[in-house]
Amino acid sequence: MGNTLSKEDIVQMQEIFDKIMDIPCPELDISNFNGITDYIDFILQSDVTNPIMKGSDLVGRNFIVWKAQVIIDKSDDKSPSTYNTFTTFFKRYSEPTSCVYHTCGHDGKILFDTVGGATLEQMSFLYTLLSTRTSELNYYQAEKLKLSYENLEGFETRQNWIFKINI
């Protein structure tokens, strides 16, 4: 998975994923569709009629998908930067004991990167974000969570940035 996990971390990740899947939101029926990579990577923004939706794929893997806007207050600029994200978060394997979770999406920028599998911190952040529909991160938090923003050059200018996320 790329991350060394203790037994306690594994239990916590499973519990957090269950809490994420318990967040009240409409179901997204994807029928028997399957992506070419066996990921749930074919969902389009036009398929998602609410800001957050959830479902299950044809092999029983649960997923949740959301649209979010990220506003970056760069503190030295008069106008903040804004970009939209479209992200699907899912359990990679259908085995009950698996704790590998990923983000994907090919119809827009994803909110954060989970190469090697989501971390416990990313999952905790995601639960809070989806539950409250908003979050605010400083640059260091955004970097640690692997927030997807390609223009993070120049440490001196970015250390005071604030990332505001709204669903």
C-alpha atoms as a PDB file:
ATOM      1  CA  MET A   1       0.000   0.000   0.000  1.00  0.00           C
ATOM      2  CA  GLY A   2       2.964   2.321   0.300  1.00  0.00           C
ATOM      3  CA  ASN A   3       2.075   3.130   3.890  1.00  0.00           C
ATOM      4  CA  THR A   4       3.002   1.002   6.886  1.00  0.00           C
ATOM      5  CA  LEU A   5      -0.130   0.495   8.932  1.00  0.00           C
ATOM      6  CA  SER A   6      -0.584  -0.837  12.426  1.00  0.00           C
ATOM      7  CA  LYS A   7      -3.527  -3.079  13.255  1.00  0.00           C
ATOM      8  CA  GLU A   8      -5.099  -0.095  15.018  1.00  0.00           C
ATOM      9  CA  ASP A   9      -4.708   2.049  11.875  1.00  0.00           C
ATOM     10  CA  ILE A  10      -6.362  -0.641   9.767  1.00  0.00           C
ATOM     11  CA  VAL A  11      -9.319  -0.844  12.143  1.00  0.00           C
ATOM     12  CA  GLN A  12      -9.598   2.961  12.202  1.00  0.00           C
ATOM     13  CA  MET A  13      -9.520   3.167   8.404  1.00  0.00           C
ATOM     14  CA  GLN A  14     -12.297   0.613   8.095  1.00  0.00           C
ATOM     15  CA  GLU A  15     -14.349   2.468  10.704  1.00  0.00           C
ATOM     16  CA  ILE A  16     -13.828   5.824   8.983  1.00  0.00           C
ATOM     17  CA  PHE A  17     -14.757   4.379   5.585  1.00  0.00           C
ATOM     18  CA  ASP A  18     -17.952   2.981   7.096  1.00  0.00           C
ATOM     19  CA  LYS A  19     -18.716   6.440   8.566  1.00  0.00           C
ATOM     20  CA  ILE A  20     -18.045   8.040   5.171  1.00  0.00           C
ATOM     21  CA  MET A  21     -20.462   5.614   3.552  1.00  0.00           C
ATOM     22  CA  ASP A  22     -23.066   6.455   6.229  1.00  0.00           C
ATOM     23  CA  ILE A  23     -23.063  10.152   5.272  1.00  0.00           C
ATOM     24  CA  PRO A  24     -26.587  10.947   4.095  1.00  0.00           C
ATOM     25  CA  CYS A  25     -26.629  11.597   0.355  1.00  0.00           C
ATOM     26  CA  PRO A  26     -28.419  10.277  -2.724  1.00  0.00           C
ATOM     27  CA  GLU A  27     -27.465   6.969  -4.328  1.00  0.00           C
ATOM     28  CA  LEU A  28     -25.749   6.950  -7.707  1.00  0.00           C
ATOM     29  CA  ASP A  29     -26.810   3.866  -9.651  1.00  0.00           C
ATOM     30  CA  ILE A  30     -23.993   2.869 -12.009  1.00  0.00           C
ATOM     31  CA  SER A  31     -25.737  -0.402 -12.942  1.00  0.00           C
ATOM     32  CA  ASN A  32     -23.265  -2.925 -14.333  1.00  0.00           C
ATOM     33  CA  PHE A  33     -20.812  -0.387 -15.717  1.00  0.00           C
ATOM     34  CA  ASN A  34     -17.121  -0.936 -15.116  1.00  0.00           C
ATOM     35  CA  GLY A  35     -14.092   1.129 -16.103  1.00  0.00           C
ATOM     36  CA  ILE A  36     -11.378  -0.260 -18.373  1.00  0.00           C
ATOM     37  CA  THR A  37      -8.993  -0.369 -15.404  1.00  0.00           C
ATOM     38  CA  ASP A  38     -11.588  -2.028 -13.129  1.00  0.00           C
ATOM     39  CA  TYR A  39     -11.632   1.222 -11.182  1.00  0.00           C
ATOM     40  CA  ILE A  40     -14.722   3.316 -10.814  1.00  0.00           C
ATOM     41  CA  ASP A  41     -13.139   5.831 -13.154  1.00  0.00           C
ATOM     42  CA  PHE A  42     -15.889   6.264 -15.727  1.00  0.00           C
ATOM     43  CA  ILE A  43     -18.281   8.410 -13.685  1.00  0.00           C
ATOM     44  CA  LEU A  44     -18.877  11.786 -15.304  1.00  0.00           C
ATOM     45  CA  GLN A  45     -19.761  15.057 -13.625  1.00  0.00           C
ATOM     46  CA  SER A  46     -23.015  15.031 -15.564  1.00  0.00           C
ATOM     47  CA  ASP A  47     -23.902  11.695 -13.871  1.00  0.00           C
ATOM     48  CA  VAL A  48     -23.628  13.298 -10.424  1.00  0.00           C
ATOM     49  CA  THR A  49     -26.785  15.339  -9.915  1.00  0.00           C
ATOM     50  CA  ASN A  50     -26.052  16.273  -6.287  1.00  0.00           C
ATOM     51  CA  PRO A  51     -22.843  17.626  -4.727  1.00  0.00           C
ATOM     52  CA  ILE A  52     -22.229  14.258  -3.012  1.00  0.00           C
ATOM     53  CA  MET A  53     -23.496  10.833  -4.105  1.00  0.00           C
ATOM     54  CA  LYS A  54     -22.580   7.266  -3.229  1.00  0.00           C
ATOM     55  CA  GLY A  55     -23.060   3.788  -4.550  1.00  0.00           C
ATOM     56  CA  SER A  56     -21.625   0.355  -5.138  1.00  0.00           C
ATOM     57  CA  ASP A  57     -20.088  -1.152  -8.257  1.00  0.00           C
ATOM     58  CA  LEU A  58     -20.855  -4.509  -9.865  1.00  0.00           C
ATOM     59  CA  VAL A  59     -18.438  -6.394  -7.552  1.00  0.00           C
ATOM     60  CA  GLY A  60     -19.726  -4.708  -4.403  1.00  0.00           C
ATOM     61  CA  ARG A  61     -17.059  -2.051  -3.864  1.00  0.00           C
ATOM     62  CA  ASN A  62     -18.540   1.010  -2.215  1.00  0.00           C
ATOM     63  CA  PHE A  63     -17.728   4.503  -3.470  1.00  0.00           C
ATOM     64  CA  ILE A  64     -18.592   8.114  -2.788  1.00  0.00           C
ATOM     65  CA  VAL A  65     -18.251  10.886  -5.344  1.00  0.00           C
ATOM     66  CA  TRP A  66     -18.343  14.651  -4.846  1.00  0.00           C
ATOM     67  CA  LYS A  67     -17.855  18.001  -6.513  1.00  0.00           C
ATOM     68  CA  ALA A  68     -15.903  20.642  -4.620  1.00  0.00           C
ATOM     69  CA  GLN A  69     -14.598  24.128  -5.214  1.00  0.00           C
ATOM     70  CA  VAL A  70     -11.186  25.069  -3.840  1.00  0.00           C
ATOM     71  CA  ILE A  71     -10.451  28.737  -3.207  1.00  0.00           C
ATOM     72  CA  ILE A  72      -6.823  29.601  -2.546  1.00  0.00           C
ATOM     73  CA  ASP A  73      -6.233  32.790  -0.611  1.00  0.00           C
ATOM     74  CA  LYS A  74      -2.604  33.557  -1.441  1.00  0.00           C
ATOM     75  CA  SER A  75      -2.548  36.459   1.046  1.00  0.00           C
ATOM     76  CA  ASP A  76      -0.306  38.499  -1.248  1.00  0.00           C
ATOM     77  CA  ASP A  77      -2.812  38.597  -4.114  1.00  0.00           C
ATOM     78  CA  LYS A  78      -5.924  40.723  -4.184  1.00  0.00           C
ATOM     79  CA  SER A  79      -7.997  38.039  -5.883  1.00  0.00           C
ATOM     80  CA  PRO A  80      -7.929  34.398  -4.779  1.00  0.00           C
ATOM     81  CA  SER A  81      -7.427  31.506  -7.197  1.00  0.00           C
ATOM     82  CA  THR A  82     -10.317  29.118  -7.644  1.00  0.00           C
ATOM     83  CA  TYR A  83     -10.564  25.671  -9.163  1.00  0.00           C
ATOM     84  CA  ASN A  84     -13.200  22.956  -9.218  1.00  0.00           C
ATOM     85  CA  THR A  85     -12.642  19.306  -8.381  1.00  0.00           C
ATOM     86  CA  PHE A  86     -14.527  16.110  -9.123  1.00  0.00           C
ATOM     87  CA  THR A  87     -13.439  13.081  -7.118  1.00  0.00           C
ATOM     88  CA  THR A  88     -14.502   9.489  -6.569  1.00  0.00           C
ATOM     89  CA  PHE A  89     -13.264   7.754  -3.392  1.00  0.00           C
ATOM     90  CA  PHE A  90     -13.595   4.002  -3.167  1.00  0.00           C
ATOM     91  CA  LYS A  91     -12.441   0.785  -1.589  1.00  0.00           C
ATOM     92  CA  ARG A  92     -10.029  -0.747  -4.116  1.00  0.00           C
ATOM     93  CA  TYR A  93     -10.646  -4.419  -3.348  1.00  0.00           C
ATOM     94  CA  SER A  94     -13.907  -6.130  -2.470  1.00  0.00           C
ATOM     95  CA  GLU A  95     -12.430  -8.399   0.229  1.00  0.00           C
ATOM     96  CA  PRO A  96     -13.788  -7.417   3.656  1.00  0.00           C
ATOM     97  CA  THR A  97     -10.288  -7.328   5.180  1.00  0.00           C
ATOM     98  CA  SER A  98      -8.832  -5.029   2.523  1.00  0.00           C
ATOM     99  CA  CYS A  99      -8.012  -1.498   3.645  1.00  0.00           C
ATOM    100  CA  VAL A 100      -6.741  -0.015   0.379  1.00  0.00           C
ATOM    101  CA  TYR A 101      -8.721   3.075  -0.575  1.00  0.00           C
ATOM    102  CA  HIS A 102      -8.161   5.367  -3.557  1.00  0.00           C
ATOM    103  CA  THR A 103      -9.353   8.483  -5.303  1.00  0.00           C
ATOM    104  CA  CYS A 104      -9.943   8.572  -9.033  1.00  0.00           C
ATOM    105  CA  GLY A 105     -11.680  10.598 -11.666  1.00  0.00           C
ATOM    106  CA  HIS A 106     -11.101  11.324 -15.302  1.00  0.00           C
ATOM    107  CA  ASP A 107     -13.687  14.069 -15.736  1.00  0.00           C
ATOM    108  CA  GLY A 108     -11.886  16.855 -13.908  1.00  0.00           C
ATOM    109  CA  LYS A 109      -9.235  17.459 -11.281  1.00  0.00           C
ATOM    110  CA  ILE A 110      -9.364  15.223  -8.195  1.00  0.00           C
ATOM    111  CA  LEU A 111      -9.284  16.852  -4.758  1.00  0.00           C
ATOM    112  CA  PHE A 112      -6.331  14.875  -3.409  1.00  0.00           C
ATOM    113  CA  ASP A 113      -3.931  12.165  -4.509  1.00  0.00           C
ATOM    114  CA  THR A 114      -3.903   8.680  -2.999  1.00  0.00           C
ATOM    115  CA  VAL A 115      -1.043   7.000  -4.884  1.00  0.00           C
ATOM    116  CA  GLY A 116      -0.111   3.952  -2.811  1.00  0.00           C
ATOM    117  CA  GLY A 117      -3.432   4.065  -0.989  1.00  0.00           C
ATOM    118  CA  ALA A 118      -5.161   6.682   1.131  1.00  0.00           C
ATOM    119  CA  THR A 119      -3.632   7.556   4.474  1.00  0.00           C
ATOM    120  CA  LEU A 120      -5.503   7.608   7.751  1.00  0.00           C
ATOM    121  CA  GLU A 121      -5.136  11.402   7.790  1.00  0.00           C
ATOM    122  CA  GLN A 122      -6.638  11.712   4.308  1.00  0.00           C
ATOM    123  CA  MET A 123      -9.593   9.550   5.298  1.00  0.00           C
ATOM    124  CA  SER A 124     -10.203  11.511   8.508  1.00  0.00           C
ATOM    125  CA  PHE A 125     -10.042  14.763   6.540  1.00  0.00           C
ATOM    126  CA  LEU A 126     -12.442  13.387   3.935  1.00  0.00           C
ATOM    127  CA  TYR A 127     -14.975  12.304   6.544  1.00  0.00           C
ATOM    128  CA  THR A 128     -14.919  15.763   8.140  1.00  0.00           C
ATOM    129  CA  LEU A 129     -15.141  17.529   4.767  1.00  0.00           C
ATOM    130  CA  LEU A 130     -18.046  15.424   3.502  1.00  0.00           C
ATOM    131  CA  SER A 131     -19.864  15.698   6.836  1.00  0.00           C
ATOM    132  CA  THR A 132     -19.565  19.472   7.145  1.00  0.00           C
ATOM    133  CA  ARG A 133     -19.354  20.301   3.412  1.00  0.00           C
ATOM    134  CA  THR A 134     -16.508  22.768   4.064  1.00  0.00           C
ATOM    135  CA  SER A 135     -12.906  22.871   5.229  1.00  0.00           C
ATOM    136  CA  GLU A 136     -10.033  25.282   5.528  1.00  0.00           C
ATOM    137  CA  LEU A 137      -6.392  24.182   5.331  1.00  0.00           C
ATOM    138  CA  ASN A 138      -3.111  25.985   5.539  1.00  0.00           C
ATOM    139  CA  TYR A 139      -0.418  25.229   2.997  1.00  0.00           C
ATOM    140  CA  TYR A 140       1.321  22.626   5.188  1.00  0.00           C
ATOM    141  CA  GLN A 141      -1.919  20.722   5.791  1.00  0.00           C
ATOM    142  CA  ALA A 142      -2.789  20.822   2.079  1.00  0.00           C
ATOM    143  CA  GLU A 143       0.661  19.528   1.179  1.00  0.00           C
ATOM    144  CA  LYS A 144       0.510  16.703   3.739  1.00  0.00           C
ATOM    145  CA  LEU A 145      -2.925  15.626   2.477  1.00  0.00           C
ATOM    146  CA  LYS A 146      -1.577  15.702  -1.115  1.00  0.00           C
ATOM    147  CA  LEU A 147      -4.146  18.236  -2.239  1.00  0.00           C
ATOM    148  CA  SER A 148      -4.098  18.279  -6.036  1.00  0.00           C
ATOM    149  CA  TYR A 149      -2.809  21.681  -7.021  1.00  0.00           C
ATOM    150  CA  GLU A 150      -0.050  21.806  -9.610  1.00  0.00           C
ATOM    151  CA  ASN A 151       1.192  25.331  -9.006  1.00  0.00           C
ATOM    152  CA  LEU A 152       2.861  25.017  -5.601  1.00  0.00           C
ATOM    153  CA  GLU A 153       6.171  26.561  -6.652  1.00  0.00           C
ATOM    154  CA  GLY A 154       8.107  29.039  -4.524  1.00  0.00           C
ATOM    155  CA  PHE A 155       7.945  28.054  -0.867  1.00  0.00           C
ATOM    156  CA  GLU A 156       8.389  31.633   0.330  1.00  0.00           C
ATOM    157  CA  THR A 157       5.259  32.778  -1.467  1.00  0.00           C
ATOM    158  CA  ARG A 158       3.058  29.823  -0.623  1.00  0.00           C
ATOM    159  CA  GLN A 159       3.637  29.310   3.087  1.00  0.00           C
ATOM    160  CA  ASN A 160       0.804  31.712   3.967  1.00  0.00           C
ATOM    161  CA  TRP A 161      -1.712  30.290   1.504  1.00  0.00           C
ATOM    162  CA  ILE A 162      -5.094  29.196   2.816  1.00  0.00           C
ATOM    163  CA  PHE A 163      -7.113  26.551   0.943  1.00  0.00           C
ATOM    164  CA  LYS A 164     -10.871  26.853   1.439  1.00  0.00           C
ATOM    165  CA  ILE A 165     -12.840  23.861   0.213  1.00  0.00           C
ATOM    166  CA  ASN A 166     -16.599  23.951  -0.318  1.00  0.00           C
ATOM    167  CA  ILE A 167     -18.889  21.189  -1.477  1.00  0.00           C
END
